[in-house]
Amino acid sequence: MEAELRRIQRELPVVQEKLAALDATMAAINPLVAPDAAGTVKAWAGKYGERGAVKDCVLSHLQAAGKSGIDVSTLALQVAAALSVDLPTKKDFSLFRRDTVHAVLKRAKADGLTEVLVAARGVHTPQVWRWRGPHAAPSLAQLREISELQDLREALELANKGG
């Protein structure tokens, strides 16, 4: 939750700048139009269920995949099935995978919850992601660190026995 708040705080100045630019553009076109005349848009409202349902679904399927991870295409299919999302065309699937599932993965990566296990190597090889959050399998760097610490411990034990 705190990581999400920090991310939003980092993005806020950029969003405010864009909003100011849009207000200036609207004022230049027609100064009689109130900047708040259009109201607000809640693009997520009801699209895939309750707010946060997509994120929860993506992350729970990613956790269930375990330490070997899961590729984005398979994950997108699982999430679409779980949320009863109709993807009638290849374009619909591609948009859902990129704009919905991949977007959740990227935000979760920024929050330290996910990692790319296998990077895409061309258009036909989807990325493989895995869970890094609580109860995650250790990363390769962490395993290397653990191994080095064990080697150091063993060396110290040998030195203590010999001296």
N, C-alpha and C. Protein backbone atom coordinates (compact mmCIF):
# COMPACT_ATOMS: atom_id res chain seq x y z
N MET A 1 0.82 -1.19 0.00
CA MET A 1 0.00 0.00 0.00
C MET A 1 0.87 1.26 0.00
N GLU A 2 1.93 1.27 0.80
CA GLU A 2 2.82 2.42 0.86
C GLU A 2 3.58 2.59 -0.46
N ALA A 3 3.97 1.48 -1.07
CA ALA A 3 4.68 1.54 -2.34
C ALA A 3 3.77 2.13 -3.42
N GLU A 4 2.50 1.75 -3.39
CA GLU A 4 1.53 2.28 -4.35
C GLU A 4 1.37 3.79 -4.14
N LEU A 5 1.32 4.21 -2.89
CA LEU A 5 1.20 5.63 -2.58
C LEU A 5 2.42 6.40 -3.09
N ARG A 6 3.61 5.85 -2.90
CA ARG A 6 4.83 6.51 -3.39
C ARG A 6 4.81 6.63 -4.91
N ARG A 7 4.34 5.57 -5.58
CA ARG A 7 4.26 5.59 -7.04
C ARG A 7 3.31 6.69 -7.50
N ILE A 8 2.17 6.78 -6.86
CA ILE A 8 1.18 7.80 -7.23
C ILE A 8 1.73 9.20 -6.96
N GLN A 9 2.42 9.36 -5.84
CA GLN A 9 3.01 10.67 -5.53
C GLN A 9 4.06 11.07 -6.55
N ARG A 10 4.81 10.08 -7.08
CA ARG A 10 5.80 10.38 -8.12
C ARG A 10 5.11 10.79 -9.42
N GLU A 11 3.97 10.18 -9.72
CA GLU A 11 3.27 10.45 -10.98
C GLU A 11 2.41 11.71 -10.92
N LEU A 12 2.04 12.16 -9.73
CA LEU A 12 1.12 13.28 -9.58
C LEU A 12 1.56 14.55 -10.30
N PRO A 13 2.81 15.00 -10.17
CA PRO A 13 3.21 16.24 -10.88
C PRO A 13 3.03 16.14 -12.39
N VAL A 14 3.32 15.00 -12.96
CA VAL A 14 3.18 14.81 -14.41
C VAL A 14 1.71 14.90 -14.81
N VAL A 15 0.85 14.26 -14.03
CA VAL A 15 -0.59 14.27 -14.31
C VAL A 15 -1.12 15.70 -14.17
N GLN A 16 -0.69 16.41 -13.13
CA GLN A 16 -1.15 17.79 -12.93
C GLN A 16 -0.70 18.69 -14.08
N GLU A 17 0.51 18.45 -14.57
CA GLU A 17 1.02 19.22 -15.70
C GLU A 17 0.19 18.97 -16.96
N LYS A 18 -0.15 17.71 -17.20
CA LYS A 18 -0.99 17.37 -18.37
C LYS A 18 -2.37 18.00 -18.24
N LEU A 19 -2.93 17.96 -17.04
CA LEU A 19 -4.25 18.55 -16.80
C LEU A 19 -4.22 20.05 -17.05
N ALA A 20 -3.18 20.71 -16.58
CA ALA A 20 -3.04 22.15 -16.80
C ALA A 20 -2.93 22.47 -18.29
N ALA A 21 -2.19 21.63 -19.02
CA ALA A 21 -2.05 21.83 -20.47
C ALA A 21 -3.40 21.64 -21.17
N LEU A 22 -4.15 20.65 -20.74
CA LEU A 22 -5.49 20.43 -21.34
C LEU A 22 -6.42 21.59 -21.03
N ASP A 23 -6.38 22.08 -19.79
CA ASP A 23 -7.22 23.23 -19.42
C ASP A 23 -6.84 24.46 -20.25
N ALA A 24 -5.53 24.68 -20.45
CA ALA A 24 -5.08 25.82 -21.25
C ALA A 24 -5.54 25.67 -22.70
N THR A 25 -5.47 24.47 -23.23
CA THR A 25 -5.92 24.22 -24.60
C THR A 25 -7.41 24.48 -24.73
N MET A 26 -8.19 23.99 -23.76
CA MET A 26 -9.64 24.19 -23.80
C MET A 26 -9.97 25.68 -23.70
N ALA A 27 -9.27 26.41 -22.85
CA ALA A 27 -9.50 27.84 -22.70
C ALA A 27 -9.15 28.59 -23.98
N ALA A 28 -8.09 28.14 -24.68
CA ALA A 28 -7.70 28.79 -25.94
C ALA A 28 -8.73 28.54 -27.03
N ILE A 29 -9.33 27.36 -27.02
CA ILE A 29 -10.32 27.04 -28.06
C ILE A 29 -11.63 27.76 -27.80
N ASN A 30 -12.09 27.68 -26.56
CA ASN A 30 -13.35 28.33 -26.21
C ASN A 30 -13.33 28.70 -24.73
N PRO A 31 -13.07 29.96 -24.41
CA PRO A 31 -12.95 30.38 -23.01
C PRO A 31 -14.26 30.28 -22.23
N LEU A 32 -15.38 30.07 -22.92
CA LEU A 32 -16.67 29.97 -22.23
C LEU A 32 -16.93 28.56 -21.66
N VAL A 33 -16.14 27.59 -22.10
CA VAL A 33 -16.33 26.21 -21.63
C VAL A 33 -15.60 26.04 -20.30
N ALA A 34 -16.35 25.57 -19.31
CA ALA A 34 -15.75 25.33 -17.98
C ALA A 34 -14.87 24.08 -18.06
N PRO A 35 -13.65 24.13 -17.48
CA PRO A 35 -12.75 22.98 -17.54
C PRO A 35 -13.33 21.70 -16.94
N ASP A 36 -14.24 21.84 -15.98
CA ASP A 36 -14.81 20.65 -15.34
C ASP A 36 -16.16 20.26 -15.93
N ALA A 37 -16.51 20.79 -17.10
CA ALA A 37 -17.81 20.52 -17.72
C ALA A 37 -18.00 19.05 -18.09
N ALA A 38 -16.92 18.38 -18.43
CA ALA A 38 -17.03 16.99 -18.87
C ALA A 38 -17.22 16.01 -17.72
N GLY A 39 -16.92 16.43 -16.49
CA GLY A 39 -17.04 15.52 -15.36
C GLY A 39 -15.83 14.61 -15.28
N THR A 40 -15.99 13.50 -14.60
CA THR A 40 -14.89 12.55 -14.46
C THR A 40 -15.24 11.24 -15.13
N VAL A 41 -14.22 10.51 -15.51
CA VAL A 41 -14.41 9.22 -16.16
C VAL A 41 -13.87 8.14 -15.24
N LYS A 42 -14.65 7.12 -15.03
CA LYS A 42 -14.21 5.97 -14.25
C LYS A 42 -14.16 4.78 -15.19
N ALA A 43 -13.06 4.69 -15.93
CA ALA A 43 -12.93 3.68 -16.98
C ALA A 43 -13.01 2.27 -16.45
N TRP A 44 -12.62 2.05 -15.22
CA TRP A 44 -12.59 0.70 -14.66
C TRP A 44 -13.96 0.24 -14.18
N ALA A 45 -14.88 1.19 -13.93
CA ALA A 45 -16.13 0.89 -13.24
C ALA A 45 -16.89 -0.26 -13.89
N GLY A 46 -16.90 -1.39 -13.23
CA GLY A 46 -17.67 -2.53 -13.66
C GLY A 46 -17.11 -3.30 -14.82
N LYS A 47 -16.02 -2.84 -15.41
CA LYS A 47 -15.49 -3.48 -16.60
C LYS A 47 -15.08 -4.93 -16.35
N TYR A 48 -14.38 -5.16 -15.25
CA TYR A 48 -13.93 -6.52 -14.90
C TYR A 48 -14.34 -6.90 -13.49
N GLY A 49 -15.42 -6.32 -13.00
CA GLY A 49 -15.86 -6.61 -11.64
C GLY A 49 -15.50 -5.46 -10.72
N GLU A 50 -15.35 -5.77 -9.45
CA GLU A 50 -15.04 -4.76 -8.45
C GLU A 50 -13.65 -4.15 -8.70
N ARG A 51 -13.46 -2.95 -8.19
CA ARG A 51 -12.16 -2.28 -8.31
C ARG A 51 -11.10 -3.16 -7.64
N GLY A 52 -10.00 -3.39 -8.35
CA GLY A 52 -8.91 -4.21 -7.82
C GLY A 52 -9.02 -5.69 -8.16
N ALA A 53 -10.13 -6.08 -8.79
CA ALA A 53 -10.34 -7.50 -9.11
C ALA A 53 -9.29 -8.02 -10.09
N VAL A 54 -8.95 -7.22 -11.08
CA VAL A 54 -7.96 -7.66 -12.08
C VAL A 54 -6.59 -7.83 -11.41
N LYS A 55 -6.20 -6.85 -10.63
CA LYS A 55 -4.91 -6.91 -9.95
C LYS A 55 -4.86 -8.14 -9.04
N ASP A 56 -5.89 -8.33 -8.24
CA ASP A 56 -5.92 -9.47 -7.33
C ASP A 56 -5.84 -10.79 -8.10
N CYS A 57 -6.56 -10.86 -9.20
CA CYS A 57 -6.59 -12.08 -10.01
C CYS A 57 -5.23 -12.35 -10.64
N VAL A 58 -4.63 -11.33 -11.24
CA VAL A 58 -3.32 -11.48 -11.88
C VAL A 58 -2.29 -11.96 -10.86
N LEU A 59 -2.25 -11.27 -9.72
CA LEU A 59 -1.23 -11.59 -8.72
C LEU A 59 -1.47 -12.96 -8.07
N SER A 60 -2.72 -13.35 -7.87
CA SER A 60 -2.96 -14.67 -7.28
C SER A 60 -2.59 -15.78 -8.26
N HIS A 61 -2.86 -15.60 -9.55
CA HIS A 61 -2.45 -16.60 -10.54
C HIS A 61 -0.94 -16.65 -10.67
N LEU A 62 -0.29 -15.50 -10.55
CA LEU A 62 1.16 -15.46 -10.62
C LEU A 62 1.76 -16.20 -9.42
N GLN A 63 1.21 -15.98 -8.24
CA GLN A 63 1.68 -16.69 -7.05
C GLN A 63 1.48 -18.19 -7.20
N ALA A 64 0.34 -18.58 -7.73
CA ALA A 64 0.03 -20.00 -7.90
C ALA A 64 0.98 -20.67 -8.90
N ALA A 65 1.55 -19.90 -9.80
CA ALA A 65 2.47 -20.47 -10.80
C ALA A 65 3.76 -20.95 -10.15
N GLY A 66 4.08 -20.42 -8.98
CA GLY A 66 5.27 -20.87 -8.27
C GLY A 66 6.55 -20.26 -8.79
N LYS A 67 7.67 -20.88 -8.39
CA LYS A 67 8.98 -20.30 -8.68
C LYS A 67 9.35 -20.35 -10.16
N SER A 68 8.73 -21.23 -10.93
CA SER A 68 9.04 -21.30 -12.36
C SER A 68 8.34 -20.19 -13.15
N GLY A 69 7.37 -19.54 -12.53
CA GLY A 69 6.70 -18.42 -13.18
C GLY A 69 5.69 -18.85 -14.23
N ILE A 70 5.22 -17.87 -14.98
CA ILE A 70 4.21 -18.12 -16.01
C ILE A 70 4.38 -17.06 -17.10
N ASP A 71 4.14 -17.46 -18.34
CA ASP A 71 4.27 -16.48 -19.42
C ASP A 71 3.02 -15.60 -19.47
N VAL A 72 3.19 -14.40 -19.98
CA VAL A 72 2.13 -13.40 -19.97
C VAL A 72 0.90 -13.86 -20.74
N SER A 73 1.08 -14.55 -21.85
CA SER A 73 -0.06 -14.99 -22.65
C SER A 73 -0.91 -16.00 -21.88
N THR A 74 -0.26 -16.96 -21.25
CA THR A 74 -1.00 -17.96 -20.47
C THR A 74 -1.68 -17.29 -19.29
N LEU A 75 -0.97 -16.39 -18.64
CA LEU A 75 -1.54 -15.66 -17.51
C LEU A 75 -2.76 -14.86 -17.95
N ALA A 76 -2.68 -14.20 -19.10
CA ALA A 76 -3.81 -13.42 -19.62
C ALA A 76 -5.02 -14.32 -19.88
N LEU A 77 -4.78 -15.51 -20.43
CA LEU A 77 -5.88 -16.45 -20.66
C LEU A 77 -6.52 -16.89 -19.35
N GLN A 78 -5.70 -17.17 -18.35
CA GLN A 78 -6.22 -17.60 -17.04
C GLN A 78 -7.04 -16.49 -16.39
N VAL A 79 -6.52 -15.27 -16.44
CA VAL A 79 -7.21 -14.13 -15.83
C VAL A 79 -8.52 -13.86 -16.56
N ALA A 80 -8.49 -13.89 -17.89
CA ALA A 80 -9.71 -13.66 -18.67
C ALA A 80 -10.77 -14.71 -18.32
N ALA A 81 -10.36 -15.96 -18.21
CA ALA A 81 -11.30 -17.02 -17.87
C ALA A 81 -11.85 -16.82 -16.45
N ALA A 82 -10.99 -16.49 -15.51
CA ALA A 82 -11.42 -16.31 -14.12
C ALA A 82 -12.38 -15.14 -13.97
N LEU A 83 -12.19 -14.09 -14.77
CA LEU A 83 -13.04 -12.90 -14.67
C LEU A 83 -14.16 -12.89 -15.70
N SER A 84 -14.29 -13.97 -16.46
CA SER A 84 -15.31 -14.08 -17.51
C SER A 84 -15.22 -12.95 -18.53
N VAL A 85 -14.00 -12.64 -18.93
CA VAL A 85 -13.77 -11.59 -19.93
C VAL A 85 -13.84 -12.22 -21.31
N ASP A 86 -14.69 -11.68 -22.16
CA ASP A 86 -14.86 -12.19 -23.51
C ASP A 86 -13.78 -11.57 -24.41
N LEU A 87 -12.98 -12.42 -25.03
CA LEU A 87 -11.92 -11.97 -25.94
C LEU A 87 -12.13 -12.66 -27.29
N PRO A 88 -13.08 -12.16 -28.08
CA PRO A 88 -13.46 -12.85 -29.31
C PRO A 88 -12.43 -12.84 -30.43
N THR A 89 -11.55 -11.83 -30.44
CA THR A 89 -10.57 -11.76 -31.53
C THR A 89 -9.15 -11.76 -30.97
N LYS A 90 -8.20 -12.02 -31.86
CA LYS A 90 -6.79 -11.98 -31.47
C LYS A 90 -6.41 -10.58 -31.00
N LYS A 91 -6.98 -9.56 -31.64
CA LYS A 91 -6.71 -8.17 -31.25
C LYS A 91 -7.22 -7.90 -29.84
N ASP A 92 -8.42 -8.39 -29.52
CA ASP A 92 -8.98 -8.21 -28.18
C ASP A 92 -8.07 -8.86 -27.14
N PHE A 93 -7.59 -10.07 -27.45
CA PHE A 93 -6.69 -10.77 -26.54
C PHE A 93 -5.39 -10.00 -26.37
N SER A 94 -4.81 -9.53 -27.47
CA SER A 94 -3.55 -8.79 -27.41
C SER A 94 -3.68 -7.52 -26.58
N LEU A 95 -4.78 -6.81 -26.76
CA LEU A 95 -5.02 -5.58 -26.00
C LEU A 95 -5.19 -5.88 -24.51
N PHE A 96 -5.94 -6.95 -24.21
CA PHE A 96 -6.15 -7.33 -22.81
C PHE A 96 -4.81 -7.74 -22.17
N ARG A 97 -4.04 -8.52 -22.89
CA ARG A 97 -2.74 -8.97 -22.38
C ARG A 97 -1.83 -7.78 -22.11
N ARG A 98 -1.72 -6.88 -23.10
CA ARG A 98 -0.80 -5.74 -22.99
C ARG A 98 -1.31 -4.66 -22.04
N ASP A 99 -2.55 -4.21 -22.24
CA ASP A 99 -3.06 -3.05 -21.52
C ASP A 99 -3.59 -3.37 -20.13
N THR A 100 -3.91 -4.62 -19.88
CA THR A 100 -4.48 -4.97 -18.58
C THR A 100 -3.51 -5.82 -17.77
N VAL A 101 -3.23 -7.03 -18.26
CA VAL A 101 -2.40 -7.96 -17.49
C VAL A 101 -0.96 -7.46 -17.38
N HIS A 102 -0.35 -7.08 -18.49
CA HIS A 102 1.03 -6.63 -18.45
C HIS A 102 1.16 -5.35 -17.63
N ALA A 103 0.15 -4.48 -17.70
CA ALA A 103 0.18 -3.23 -16.92
C ALA A 103 0.19 -3.55 -15.42
N VAL A 104 -0.59 -4.53 -15.00
CA VAL A 104 -0.61 -4.93 -13.58
C VAL A 104 0.76 -5.48 -13.19
N LEU A 105 1.34 -6.30 -14.05
CA LEU A 105 2.66 -6.89 -13.76
C LEU A 105 3.73 -5.80 -13.62
N LYS A 106 3.70 -4.81 -14.51
CA LYS A 106 4.69 -3.73 -14.46
C LYS A 106 4.55 -2.90 -13.18
N ARG A 107 3.31 -2.59 -12.79
CA ARG A 107 3.11 -1.83 -11.55
C ARG A 107 3.57 -2.65 -10.35
N ALA A 108 3.26 -3.94 -10.36
CA ALA A 108 3.67 -4.82 -9.27
C ALA A 108 5.19 -4.94 -9.22
N LYS A 109 5.85 -4.91 -10.39
CA LYS A 109 7.31 -4.96 -10.43
C LYS A 109 7.89 -3.70 -9.79
N ALA A 110 7.29 -2.55 -10.11
CA ALA A 110 7.74 -1.29 -9.51
C ALA A 110 7.58 -1.31 -7.99
N ASP A 111 6.61 -2.07 -7.51
CA ASP A 111 6.37 -2.20 -6.07
C ASP A 111 7.18 -3.33 -5.45
N GLY A 112 7.99 -4.02 -6.28
CA GLY A 112 8.84 -5.10 -5.76
C GLY A 112 8.13 -6.42 -5.56
N LEU A 113 6.96 -6.59 -6.18
CA LEU A 113 6.17 -7.82 -5.97
C LEU A 113 6.38 -8.87 -7.05
N THR A 114 6.83 -8.45 -8.23
CA THR A 114 7.01 -9.38 -9.34
C THR A 114 8.37 -9.15 -9.99
N GLU A 115 8.78 -10.11 -10.82
CA GLU A 115 10.00 -9.95 -11.58
C GLU A 115 9.87 -10.69 -12.90
N VAL A 116 10.63 -10.22 -13.90
CA VAL A 116 10.68 -10.90 -15.18
C VAL A 116 11.70 -12.02 -15.04
N LEU A 117 11.25 -13.24 -15.22
CA LEU A 117 12.14 -14.39 -15.10
C LEU A 117 12.83 -14.66 -16.43
N VAL A 118 12.08 -14.56 -17.52
CA VAL A 118 12.63 -14.74 -18.86
C VAL A 118 12.12 -13.59 -19.71
N ALA A 119 13.05 -12.78 -20.20
CA ALA A 119 12.68 -11.65 -21.05
C ALA A 119 12.28 -12.16 -22.43
N ALA A 120 11.39 -11.42 -23.07
CA ALA A 120 10.95 -11.79 -24.41
C ALA A 120 12.11 -11.72 -25.39
N ARG A 121 12.17 -12.69 -26.28
CA ARG A 121 13.23 -12.71 -27.30
C ARG A 121 12.61 -12.67 -28.68
N GLY A 122 11.85 -11.67 -28.93
CA GLY A 122 11.16 -11.56 -30.22
C GLY A 122 9.66 -11.56 -30.00
N VAL A 123 8.95 -11.36 -31.07
CA VAL A 123 7.50 -11.21 -30.95
C VAL A 123 6.77 -12.51 -30.64
N HIS A 124 7.40 -13.65 -30.86
CA HIS A 124 6.71 -14.92 -30.64
C HIS A 124 7.05 -15.57 -29.31
N THR A 125 7.90 -14.94 -28.52
CA THR A 125 8.27 -15.50 -27.23
C THR A 125 7.79 -14.57 -26.13
N PRO A 126 6.72 -14.93 -25.43
CA PRO A 126 6.22 -14.04 -24.38
C PRO A 126 7.12 -14.04 -23.15
N GLN A 127 7.10 -12.95 -22.42
CA GLN A 127 7.87 -12.86 -21.19
C GLN A 127 7.33 -13.84 -20.15
N VAL A 128 8.23 -14.32 -19.31
CA VAL A 128 7.83 -15.16 -18.18
C VAL A 128 8.05 -14.34 -16.92
N TRP A 129 7.01 -14.25 -16.12
CA TRP A 129 7.04 -13.48 -14.88
C TRP A 129 6.87 -14.42 -13.70
N ARG A 130 7.35 -13.97 -12.52
CA ARG A 130 7.07 -14.74 -11.31
C ARG A 130 6.91 -13.79 -10.13
N TRP A 131 6.30 -14.34 -9.11
CA TRP A 131 6.01 -13.61 -7.88
C TRP A 131 7.29 -13.41 -7.08
N ARG A 132 7.48 -12.20 -6.54
CA ARG A 132 8.62 -11.89 -5.69
C ARG A 132 8.20 -11.43 -4.31
N GLY A 133 6.92 -11.25 -4.12
CA GLY A 133 6.42 -10.70 -2.86
C GLY A 133 6.62 -11.67 -1.71
N PRO A 134 5.87 -11.47 -0.63
CA PRO A 134 5.98 -12.36 0.53
C PRO A 134 5.80 -13.83 0.13
N HIS A 135 6.58 -14.68 0.72
CA HIS A 135 6.53 -16.13 0.48
C HIS A 135 6.97 -16.51 -0.93
N ALA A 136 7.81 -15.70 -1.54
CA ALA A 136 8.28 -15.97 -2.91
C ALA A 136 9.53 -16.82 -2.87
N ALA A 137 9.77 -17.49 -3.99
CA ALA A 137 11.02 -18.23 -4.16
C ALA A 137 12.15 -17.20 -4.28
N PRO A 138 13.32 -17.50 -3.76
CA PRO A 138 14.42 -16.52 -3.85
C PRO A 138 14.87 -16.32 -5.29
N SER A 139 15.36 -15.12 -5.57
CA SER A 139 15.89 -14.82 -6.90
C SER A 139 17.26 -15.47 -7.05
N LEU A 140 17.80 -15.47 -8.26
CA LEU A 140 19.13 -16.03 -8.48
C LEU A 140 20.19 -15.27 -7.69
N ALA A 141 20.05 -13.96 -7.62
CA ALA A 141 21.00 -13.15 -6.86
C ALA A 141 20.95 -13.53 -5.37
N GLN A 142 19.74 -13.74 -4.86
CA GLN A 142 19.60 -14.13 -3.46
C GLN A 142 20.20 -15.51 -3.21
N LEU A 143 19.99 -16.44 -4.14
CA LEU A 143 20.56 -17.78 -3.99
C LEU A 143 22.08 -17.72 -4.00
N ARG A 144 22.64 -16.89 -4.88
CA ARG A 144 24.09 -16.72 -4.95
C ARG A 144 24.62 -16.16 -3.63
N GLU A 145 23.91 -15.18 -3.09
CA GLU A 145 24.29 -14.58 -1.82
C GLU A 145 24.26 -15.61 -0.69
N ILE A 146 23.21 -16.42 -0.65
CA ILE A 146 23.08 -17.47 0.36
C ILE A 146 24.23 -18.45 0.24
N SER A 147 24.56 -18.83 -0.98
CA SER A 147 25.65 -19.78 -1.22
C SER A 147 26.98 -19.21 -0.75
N GLU A 148 27.21 -17.92 -1.05
CA GLU A 148 28.46 -17.28 -0.63
C GLU A 148 28.55 -17.21 0.89
N LEU A 149 27.44 -16.93 1.55
CA LEU A 149 27.43 -16.88 3.00
C LEU A 149 27.70 -18.26 3.61
N GLN A 150 27.13 -19.30 2.99
CA GLN A 150 27.38 -20.66 3.47
C GLN A 150 28.84 -21.04 3.29
N ASP A 151 29.42 -20.67 2.15
CA ASP A 151 30.84 -20.95 1.91
C ASP A 151 31.71 -20.23 2.94
N LEU A 152 31.38 -18.99 3.25
CA LEU A 152 32.12 -18.22 4.23
C LEU A 152 32.01 -18.85 5.62
N ARG A 153 30.79 -19.26 5.97
CA ARG A 153 30.56 -19.91 7.26
C ARG A 153 31.41 -21.18 7.38
N GLU A 154 31.41 -21.99 6.33
CA GLU A 154 32.19 -23.24 6.33
C GLU A 154 33.69 -22.95 6.45
N ALA A 155 34.16 -21.91 5.77
CA ALA A 155 35.57 -21.54 5.85
C ALA A 155 35.94 -21.10 7.26
N LEU A 156 35.05 -20.33 7.89
CA LEU A 156 35.30 -19.89 9.26
C LEU A 156 35.31 -21.07 10.23
N GLU A 157 34.39 -22.01 10.03
CA GLU A 157 34.36 -23.18 10.89
C GLU A 157 35.63 -23.99 10.75
N LEU A 158 36.12 -24.17 9.52
CA LEU A 158 37.38 -24.89 9.29
C LEU A 158 38.55 -24.16 9.94
N ALA A 159 38.57 -22.84 9.80
CA ALA A 159 39.66 -22.05 10.39
C ALA A 159 39.64 -22.15 11.92
N ASN A 160 38.46 -22.16 12.51
CA ASN A 160 38.34 -22.27 13.96
C ASN A 160 38.76 -23.66 14.47
N LYS A 161 38.46 -24.71 13.70
CA LYS A 161 38.82 -26.07 14.09
C LYS A 161 40.33 -26.29 13.96
N GLY A 162 40.90 -25.67 12.95
CA GLY A 162 42.34 -25.86 12.69
C GLY A 162 43.20 -24.98 13.60
N GLY A 163 42.68 -23.89 14.14
CA GLY A 163 43.51 -22.97 14.90
C GLY A 163 43.39 -23.16 16.33
